[in-house]
Protein backbone atom coordinates (compact mmCIF):
# COMPACT_ATOMS: atom_id res chain seq x y z
CA MET A 1 1.56 178.52 72.17
CA ASP A 2 4.14 178.92 75.43
CA SER A 3 7.50 177.10 75.29
CA SER A 4 7.42 176.50 79.28
CA THR A 5 4.57 174.48 78.93
CA GLU A 6 5.78 171.94 75.84
CA PRO A 7 7.31 168.99 77.28
CA SER A 8 11.14 168.59 76.58
CA ARG A 9 12.10 166.31 73.93
CA ALA A 10 15.04 164.51 73.79
CA PRO A 11 17.14 164.86 71.00
CA TRP A 12 16.62 162.21 67.75
CA TRP A 13 19.68 160.26 68.30
CA ARG A 14 18.90 159.54 71.60
CA ILE A 15 15.62 158.28 70.77
CA VAL A 16 17.27 155.95 68.10
CA ALA A 17 20.10 154.70 70.34
CA VAL A 18 17.89 154.24 73.48
CA GLY A 19 14.39 154.55 72.77
CA ARG A 20 11.47 156.78 74.45
CA ASN A 21 11.97 155.15 77.94
CA PRO A 22 15.56 154.08 78.53
CA ARG A 23 14.48 151.50 81.61
CA VAL A 24 11.81 149.84 79.12
CA THR A 25 14.84 149.81 76.39
CA ALA A 26 17.17 148.42 78.93
CA ILE A 27 14.84 145.74 80.43
CA ARG A 28 14.14 144.64 76.69
CA LEU A 29 17.67 144.16 76.10
CA LEU A 30 17.90 142.24 79.18
CA VAL A 31 15.50 139.75 78.46
CA THR A 32 16.37 139.52 74.81
CA VAL A 33 19.98 138.59 76.00
CA LEU A 34 18.75 136.10 78.46
CA LEU A 35 16.78 134.56 75.98
CA THR A 36 19.57 134.35 73.56
CA VAL A 37 21.63 132.52 75.80
CA LEU A 38 19.64 130.11 77.18
CA SER A 39 18.31 129.16 73.68
CA PHE A 40 21.94 128.52 72.30
CA ARG A 41 22.84 126.56 75.92
CA TYR A 42 19.84 124.32 76.47
CA ALA A 43 17.45 124.59 73.02
CA ILE A 44 19.40 124.61 69.91
CA VAL A 45 23.43 124.73 69.37
CA PRO A 46 24.94 124.88 66.00
CA VAL A 47 27.21 122.75 64.48
CA ARG A 48 29.58 121.92 61.60
CA VAL A 49 30.19 118.81 60.41
CA THR A 50 33.63 117.78 59.74
CA GLY A 51 34.61 114.51 58.02
CA ILE A 52 32.60 111.65 56.44
CA SER A 53 32.21 109.20 58.83
CA MET A 54 28.10 110.20 58.47
CA SER A 55 28.16 110.19 54.61
CA PRO A 56 25.83 109.99 53.01
CA ALA A 57 22.92 111.35 55.49
CA TYR A 58 25.40 114.17 56.71
CA LYS A 59 28.16 115.66 54.24
CA ASP A 60 31.41 117.10 55.30
CA GLY A 61 30.98 120.87 55.81
CA GLU A 62 27.53 121.09 56.53
CA ARG A 63 25.74 122.87 59.11
CA ARG A 64 23.27 121.60 61.44
CA TRP A 65 21.62 122.01 64.70
CA VAL A 66 21.32 119.86 67.88
CA SER A 67 18.87 119.96 70.49
CA PRO A 68 19.71 119.35 74.47
CA LEU A 69 15.92 120.19 75.15
CA LEU A 70 14.85 117.73 72.39
CA ALA A 71 16.64 114.74 73.66
CA ARG A 72 15.52 115.63 77.00
CA LEU A 73 11.93 116.31 76.18
CA GLN A 74 11.53 113.23 73.63
CA GLY A 75 14.57 110.80 75.02
CA ILE A 76 17.34 109.09 72.97
CA HIS A 77 16.01 106.50 70.54
CA ARG A 78 17.30 103.94 68.25
CA GLY A 79 18.42 105.17 64.79
CA ASP A 80 18.95 108.84 66.12
CA VAL A 81 21.61 110.97 65.34
CA VAL A 82 23.10 112.62 68.21
CA SER A 83 25.76 115.09 69.22
CA ILE A 84 28.54 113.86 71.38
CA GLN A 85 30.64 115.90 73.54
CA THR A 86 34.45 114.98 73.45
CA THR A 87 35.86 118.02 75.11
CA GLY A 88 33.74 120.45 75.85
CA ARG A 89 31.19 122.17 72.95
CA GLN A 90 34.28 122.81 70.66
CA VAL A 91 34.83 119.43 69.65
CA MET A 92 31.95 116.97 69.21
CA TYR A 93 31.09 113.61 67.00
CA LEU A 94 28.01 113.24 65.23
CA LYS A 95 26.83 109.34 65.28
CA ARG A 96 23.68 107.52 65.01
CA VAL A 97 22.43 105.63 68.29
CA ILE A 98 22.20 101.75 67.46
CA GLY A 99 22.47 100.48 70.70
CA LEU A 100 20.02 101.35 73.99
CA PRO A 101 21.05 101.12 77.71
CA GLY A 102 20.25 97.25 78.88
CA GLU A 103 21.05 95.90 75.25
CA ARG A 104 23.38 93.12 74.15
CA VAL A 105 25.14 94.76 71.07
CA GLN A 106 27.73 93.37 68.68
CA ILE A 107 29.35 93.98 65.29
CA ARG A 108 30.35 91.21 63.50
CA LYS A 109 31.31 91.12 59.84
CA GLY A 110 29.63 94.58 59.54
CA ASP A 111 26.37 93.49 60.58
CA ILE A 112 24.85 95.04 64.05
CA LEU A 113 23.49 92.63 66.59
CA VAL A 114 21.00 94.25 69.17
CA ASN A 115 20.09 91.29 71.52
CA GLY A 116 21.06 88.62 69.01
CA ASP A 117 19.16 89.85 66.18
CA ARG A 118 20.73 91.55 62.73
CA LEU A 119 19.56 95.37 62.94
CA GLU A 120 18.10 96.82 59.80
CA GLU A 121 19.26 99.71 58.93
CA PRO A 122 18.13 101.22 55.62
CA TYR A 123 20.65 104.36 56.13
CA ILE A 124 23.41 102.72 55.17
CA LEU A 125 24.88 101.99 51.82
CA ASN A 126 27.95 99.96 51.96
CA ARG A 127 29.21 97.88 54.87
CA SER A 128 32.96 96.79 55.18
CA PRO A 129 32.99 93.06 56.26
CA GLY A 130 36.06 93.93 58.29
CA TRP A 131 34.09 95.34 61.05
CA ASN A 132 33.97 93.50 64.14
CA TRP A 133 33.66 94.44 67.90
CA PRO A 134 34.04 93.84 70.45
CA THR A 135 37.50 92.47 69.39
CA ASN A 136 36.87 89.45 70.88
CA GLY A 137 33.96 88.11 69.70
CA THR A 138 31.42 88.25 72.39
CA GLU A 139 28.55 90.87 72.67
CA ARG A 140 28.99 93.69 75.37
CA LEU A 141 26.29 94.37 77.63
CA LEU A 142 25.54 98.12 77.66
CA GLY A 143 25.00 99.78 81.27
CA PRO A 144 22.24 101.70 82.52
CA ASP A 145 23.51 105.46 80.85
CA GLU A 146 25.32 103.46 77.74
CA PHE A 147 24.57 103.68 74.01
CA LEU A 148 26.44 101.98 71.49
CA VAL A 149 26.69 104.87 68.45
CA VAL A 150 28.45 104.69 65.30
CA GLY A 151 28.85 106.52 62.05
CA ASP A 152 26.91 105.87 58.76
CA ASN A 153 29.79 105.60 56.80
CA ARG A 154 30.67 101.52 57.48
CA ALA A 155 32.79 101.81 54.17
CA MET A 156 35.30 103.10 55.78
CA PRO A 157 37.86 101.05 57.52
CA MET A 158 37.01 100.88 61.54
CA ASP A 159 40.09 101.95 62.66
CA SER A 160 39.25 105.27 60.96
CA HIS A 161 36.20 105.82 62.60
CA TYR A 162 35.35 106.93 66.11
CA PHE A 163 32.59 104.88 67.26
CA GLY A 164 31.62 102.66 70.61
CA ILE A 165 30.02 103.41 73.75
CA ALA A 166 28.80 106.82 74.79
CA ASP A 167 27.54 107.67 78.05
CA ARG A 168 24.17 109.68 78.55
CA HIS A 169 26.02 112.75 80.17
CA ARG A 170 28.41 113.05 76.91
CA ILE A 171 25.50 113.39 74.80
CA LEU A 172 24.82 116.83 74.30
CA GLY A 173 21.54 116.90 72.04
CA LYS A 174 19.75 115.25 68.92
CA VAL A 175 20.30 116.54 65.65
CA PHE A 176 17.60 118.11 63.89
CA GLN A 177 16.57 116.09 60.67
C-alpha cells in the first residue's frame, strides 16, 4: 500500500484529548457546560444543613437539594420545606411554610393559628408554650407575596430561632424530600 494514499492519522494523545473531530468535541463541551450551569442555577442547588432549627426532619450537617424549578412548577404550599435566601446563595435558611399569602396567622402558646384555626403539625415533636407571635397578641394578615415560615424544632426558645415573614422573591426553592 502506498503511504501517499493512506489518510494521515493524528497522534494518539490528540485523539484522547480532543477526539477525532475537535469541532464536535468543542460543541459537546459547550453544551455540557451550559447544561451544568443551567441545572445548578435553575433546577437543583446543593445545600448543607447547619443548626438544629429543623430537627428532627433535617439534621445538622446533612446535605440536601433545593429546586427552584420545582417551586415554580408546583408552587409553594403549606408544609413545604423551602430554602430562604438572606444574603445571596451563600447563606440560606431551611424553613417550613405554615402561612400562605392572604391568610391571617398567629402563634399562641406554641400553637400555629391560621385564619383562627389551630394548624395540625404532625412533624413537630415538642412545642414550647413560650412561643407567641406577633408579640401584641393579634393576628398578622399576610400580604399577596408573603409566607410565614418557621423551623420544626419548636422546643428551642423563640428568640433563638429565625422565623417570620418571607417574601416570595427570597424563597429560592423547595427541598427535595
